[in-house]
């Protein structure tokens, strides 16, 4: 379920990232993923986690990763400052 969500979200994730601020997108995605994982930890301490909740969380985390990963890959040349030797080191 997570792999399928990553595939389908990846189809539009790269387009979305190209049209918005990469830094904001990465911060927003990381905050959403952290909130989701914190929710799972909190829910697991009060009730037993079922497969459907874990599958739903997997779909969301994988889908959000399809936005984060292209944003990170597109921001690497900016971090390298245009020098190819730095880009290889950053990768």
N, C-alpha and C. Protein backbone atom coordinates (compact mmCIF):
# COMPACT_ATOMS: atom_id res chain seq x y z
N UNK A 1 0.83 -1.19 0.00
CA UNK A 1 0.00 0.00 0.00
C UNK A 1 0.88 1.25 0.00
N UNK A 2 1.95 1.22 0.77
CA UNK A 2 2.85 2.37 0.83
C UNK A 2 3.57 2.60 -0.49
N UNK A 3 3.98 1.52 -1.13
CA UNK A 3 4.69 1.66 -2.41
C UNK A 3 3.77 2.20 -3.49
N UNK A 4 2.53 1.75 -3.50
CA UNK A 4 1.57 2.26 -4.50
C UNK A 4 1.28 3.74 -4.25
N UNK A 5 1.14 4.11 -3.01
CA UNK A 5 0.88 5.52 -2.71
C UNK A 5 2.08 6.38 -3.11
N UNK A 6 3.28 5.89 -2.86
CA UNK A 6 4.47 6.63 -3.26
C UNK A 6 4.56 6.79 -4.76
N UNK A 7 4.15 5.75 -5.48
CA UNK A 7 4.18 5.82 -6.95
C UNK A 7 3.19 6.86 -7.46
N UNK A 8 1.95 6.80 -6.99
CA UNK A 8 0.93 7.72 -7.49
C UNK A 8 1.16 9.15 -7.02
N UNK A 9 1.61 9.32 -5.80
CA UNK A 9 1.92 10.67 -5.32
C UNK A 9 3.16 11.22 -6.01
N UNK A 10 4.07 10.34 -6.40
CA UNK A 10 5.27 10.76 -7.11
C UNK A 10 4.98 11.32 -8.48
N UNK A 11 3.87 10.92 -9.07
CA UNK A 11 3.51 11.44 -10.38
C UNK A 11 3.23 12.94 -10.34
N UNK A 12 2.67 13.40 -9.22
CA UNK A 12 2.38 14.83 -9.11
C UNK A 12 3.31 15.55 -8.14
N UNK A 13 4.04 14.80 -7.34
CA UNK A 13 4.91 15.42 -6.34
C UNK A 13 6.00 16.29 -6.95
N UNK A 14 6.63 15.81 -8.01
CA UNK A 14 7.69 16.58 -8.65
C UNK A 14 7.18 17.86 -9.28
N UNK A 15 5.99 17.79 -9.88
CA UNK A 15 5.39 18.98 -10.49
C UNK A 15 5.06 20.00 -9.41
N UNK A 16 4.51 19.54 -8.30
CA UNK A 16 4.16 20.43 -7.20
C UNK A 16 5.41 21.13 -6.66
N UNK A 17 6.47 20.37 -6.47
CA UNK A 17 7.69 20.92 -5.88
C UNK A 17 8.33 21.94 -6.81
N UNK A 18 8.25 21.71 -8.12
CA UNK A 18 8.83 22.66 -9.06
C UNK A 18 8.11 24.00 -9.05
N UNK A 19 6.88 24.02 -8.63
CA UNK A 19 6.09 25.25 -8.67
C UNK A 19 6.01 25.97 -7.34
N UNK A 20 6.59 25.43 -6.32
CA UNK A 20 6.52 26.08 -5.01
C UNK A 20 7.92 26.18 -4.40
N UNK A 21 7.98 26.79 -3.25
CA UNK A 21 9.25 26.94 -2.54
C UNK A 21 9.66 25.58 -1.97
N UNK A 22 10.83 25.11 -2.37
CA UNK A 22 11.27 23.76 -1.95
C UNK A 22 11.48 23.68 -0.45
N UNK A 23 12.06 24.72 0.11
CA UNK A 23 12.35 24.70 1.54
C UNK A 23 11.05 24.59 2.35
N UNK A 24 10.07 25.38 1.99
CA UNK A 24 8.78 25.32 2.70
C UNK A 24 8.11 23.96 2.52
N UNK A 25 8.20 23.41 1.32
CA UNK A 25 7.59 22.11 1.07
C UNK A 25 8.26 21.04 1.93
N UNK A 26 9.58 21.07 2.02
CA UNK A 26 10.30 20.06 2.81
C UNK A 26 9.98 20.20 4.29
N UNK A 27 9.92 21.42 4.79
CA UNK A 27 9.60 21.63 6.21
C UNK A 27 8.17 21.18 6.50
N UNK A 28 7.24 21.53 5.61
CA UNK A 28 5.84 21.15 5.83
C UNK A 28 5.68 19.63 5.80
N UNK A 29 6.33 18.98 4.85
CA UNK A 29 6.22 17.52 4.76
C UNK A 29 6.84 16.86 5.98
N UNK A 30 7.98 17.34 6.43
CA UNK A 30 8.60 16.76 7.63
C UNK A 30 7.72 16.95 8.86
N UNK A 31 7.11 18.11 8.99
CA UNK A 31 6.22 18.34 10.14
C UNK A 31 4.99 17.43 10.08
N UNK A 32 4.44 17.25 8.89
CA UNK A 32 3.29 16.35 8.75
C UNK A 32 3.67 14.91 9.06
N UNK A 33 4.82 14.48 8.57
CA UNK A 33 5.25 13.10 8.87
C UNK A 33 5.53 12.92 10.35
N UNK A 34 6.15 13.92 10.98
CA UNK A 34 6.42 13.83 12.43
C UNK A 34 5.12 13.78 13.21
N UNK A 35 4.14 14.59 12.82
CA UNK A 35 2.84 14.57 13.52
C UNK A 35 2.15 13.22 13.35
N UNK A 36 2.25 12.65 12.18
CA UNK A 36 1.62 11.35 11.94
C UNK A 36 2.27 10.25 12.78
N UNK A 37 3.58 10.24 12.82
CA UNK A 37 4.27 9.22 13.61
C UNK A 37 4.03 9.44 15.11
N UNK A 38 3.99 10.70 15.54
CA UNK A 38 3.68 10.99 16.95
C UNK A 38 2.27 10.55 17.29
N UNK A 39 1.35 10.74 16.36
CA UNK A 39 -0.02 10.28 16.58
C UNK A 39 -0.07 8.76 16.74
N UNK A 40 0.68 8.06 15.90
CA UNK A 40 0.72 6.60 16.02
C UNK A 40 1.28 6.16 17.37
N UNK A 41 2.34 6.84 17.81
CA UNK A 41 2.93 6.49 19.10
C UNK A 41 1.95 6.77 20.24
N UNK A 42 1.25 7.89 20.14
CA UNK A 42 0.27 8.24 21.17
C UNK A 42 -0.92 7.28 21.14
N UNK A 43 -1.40 6.99 19.96
CA UNK A 43 -2.53 6.06 19.84
C UNK A 43 -2.15 4.66 20.31
N UNK A 44 -0.92 4.25 20.04
CA UNK A 44 -0.46 2.93 20.46
C UNK A 44 -0.33 2.80 21.97
N UNK A 45 -0.16 3.91 22.65
CA UNK A 45 -0.05 3.83 24.11
C UNK A 45 -1.42 3.74 24.78
N UNK A 46 -2.49 4.09 24.06
CA UNK A 46 -3.83 4.04 24.65
C UNK A 46 -4.69 2.90 24.13
N UNK A 47 -4.35 2.38 22.96
CA UNK A 47 -5.15 1.30 22.39
C UNK A 47 -4.25 0.45 21.50
N UNK A 48 -4.65 -0.77 21.25
CA UNK A 48 -3.85 -1.59 20.32
C UNK A 48 -4.01 -1.06 18.89
N UNK A 49 -2.92 -1.00 18.18
CA UNK A 49 -2.95 -0.52 16.80
C UNK A 49 -3.40 -1.65 15.89
N UNK A 50 -4.30 -1.34 14.99
CA UNK A 50 -4.74 -2.37 14.05
C UNK A 50 -4.05 -2.17 12.71
N UNK A 51 -4.19 -3.15 11.85
CA UNK A 51 -3.52 -3.15 10.56
C UNK A 51 -4.00 -2.00 9.68
N UNK A 52 -5.26 -1.65 9.75
CA UNK A 52 -5.80 -0.59 8.90
C UNK A 52 -5.20 0.77 9.25
N UNK A 53 -5.02 1.04 10.51
CA UNK A 53 -4.40 2.30 10.93
C UNK A 53 -2.94 2.35 10.49
N UNK A 54 -2.24 1.27 10.63
CA UNK A 54 -0.84 1.23 10.20
C UNK A 54 -0.71 1.34 8.69
N UNK A 55 -1.61 0.71 7.94
CA UNK A 55 -1.60 0.81 6.48
C UNK A 55 -1.92 2.24 6.04
N UNK A 56 -2.86 2.87 6.71
CA UNK A 56 -3.19 4.25 6.40
C UNK A 56 -2.00 5.17 6.66
N UNK A 57 -1.32 4.96 7.77
CA UNK A 57 -0.14 5.75 8.08
C UNK A 57 0.97 5.50 7.07
N UNK A 58 1.14 4.27 6.65
CA UNK A 58 2.14 3.94 5.65
C UNK A 58 1.86 4.64 4.32
N UNK A 59 0.60 4.66 3.93
CA UNK A 59 0.21 5.34 2.69
C UNK A 59 0.51 6.83 2.78
N UNK A 60 0.17 7.45 3.90
CA UNK A 60 0.42 8.88 4.06
C UNK A 60 1.91 9.21 4.10
N UNK A 61 2.68 8.46 4.84
CA UNK A 61 4.11 8.72 4.94
C UNK A 61 4.79 8.52 3.59
N UNK A 62 4.40 7.50 2.87
CA UNK A 62 4.99 7.25 1.56
C UNK A 62 4.57 8.33 0.57
N UNK A 63 3.34 8.74 0.62
CA UNK A 63 2.88 9.81 -0.26
C UNK A 63 3.56 11.12 0.02
N UNK A 64 3.76 11.43 1.28
CA UNK A 64 4.47 12.66 1.64
C UNK A 64 5.94 12.58 1.25
N UNK A 65 6.51 11.39 1.32
CA UNK A 65 7.89 11.22 0.89
C UNK A 65 8.06 11.47 -0.59
N UNK A 66 7.00 11.24 -1.36
CA UNK A 66 7.05 11.50 -2.80
C UNK A 66 7.08 12.99 -3.10
N UNK A 67 6.76 13.81 -2.13
CA UNK A 67 6.91 15.27 -2.27
C UNK A 67 8.27 15.70 -1.73
N UNK A 68 8.68 15.11 -0.62
CA UNK A 68 9.94 15.51 0.01
C UNK A 68 11.15 15.14 -0.84
N UNK A 69 11.19 13.94 -1.36
CA UNK A 69 12.37 13.47 -2.08
C UNK A 69 12.71 14.29 -3.32
N UNK A 70 11.74 14.65 -4.19
CA UNK A 70 12.10 15.51 -5.32
C UNK A 70 12.54 16.90 -4.89
N UNK A 71 11.96 17.41 -3.81
CA UNK A 71 12.36 18.73 -3.32
C UNK A 71 13.80 18.70 -2.83
N UNK A 72 14.17 17.63 -2.14
CA UNK A 72 15.54 17.52 -1.66
C UNK A 72 16.52 17.35 -2.82
N UNK A 73 16.16 16.53 -3.78
CA UNK A 73 17.05 16.31 -4.93
C UNK A 73 17.22 17.58 -5.75
N UNK A 74 16.16 18.37 -5.87
CA UNK A 74 16.25 19.61 -6.64
C UNK A 74 17.01 20.70 -5.91
N UNK A 75 17.09 20.61 -4.59
CA UNK A 75 17.78 21.65 -3.83
C UNK A 75 19.28 21.37 -3.68
N UNK A 76 19.73 20.18 -4.01
CA UNK A 76 21.15 19.85 -3.86
C UNK A 76 22.07 20.72 -4.72
N UNK A 77 21.75 21.02 -5.97
CA UNK A 77 22.65 21.90 -6.74
C UNK A 77 22.77 23.30 -6.15
N UNK A 78 21.70 23.80 -5.53
CA UNK A 78 21.78 25.10 -4.87
C UNK A 78 22.72 25.05 -3.68
N UNK A 79 22.69 23.95 -2.95
CA UNK A 79 23.58 23.79 -1.79
C UNK A 79 25.04 23.68 -2.22
N UNK A 80 25.26 23.10 -3.38
CA UNK A 80 26.63 22.91 -3.87
C UNK A 80 27.23 24.21 -4.38
N UNK A 81 26.42 25.19 -4.67
CA UNK A 81 26.94 26.47 -5.13
C UNK A 81 27.48 26.42 -6.55
N UNK A 82 27.03 25.48 -7.35
CA UNK A 82 27.46 25.39 -8.74
C UNK A 82 28.76 24.66 -8.97
N UNK A 83 29.38 24.16 -7.94
CA UNK A 83 30.63 23.42 -8.10
C UNK A 83 30.35 21.92 -8.15
N UNK A 84 30.81 21.29 -9.21
CA UNK A 84 30.51 19.88 -9.41
C UNK A 84 31.16 19.00 -8.33
N UNK A 85 32.34 19.37 -7.87
CA UNK A 85 32.99 18.56 -6.84
C UNK A 85 32.19 18.58 -5.53
N UNK A 86 31.61 19.72 -5.22
CA UNK A 86 30.77 19.80 -4.01
C UNK A 86 29.50 19.00 -4.19
N UNK A 87 28.94 19.04 -5.41
CA UNK A 87 27.69 18.31 -5.65
C UNK A 87 27.90 16.81 -5.46
N UNK A 88 29.02 16.30 -5.90
CA UNK A 88 29.31 14.87 -5.70
C UNK A 88 29.46 14.57 -4.22
N UNK A 89 30.08 15.46 -3.48
CA UNK A 89 30.25 15.23 -2.04
C UNK A 89 28.90 15.30 -1.31
N UNK A 90 28.04 16.22 -1.71
CA UNK A 90 26.73 16.34 -1.07
C UNK A 90 25.86 15.13 -1.36
N UNK A 91 25.93 14.66 -2.59
CA UNK A 91 25.14 13.46 -2.94
C UNK A 91 25.59 12.27 -2.11
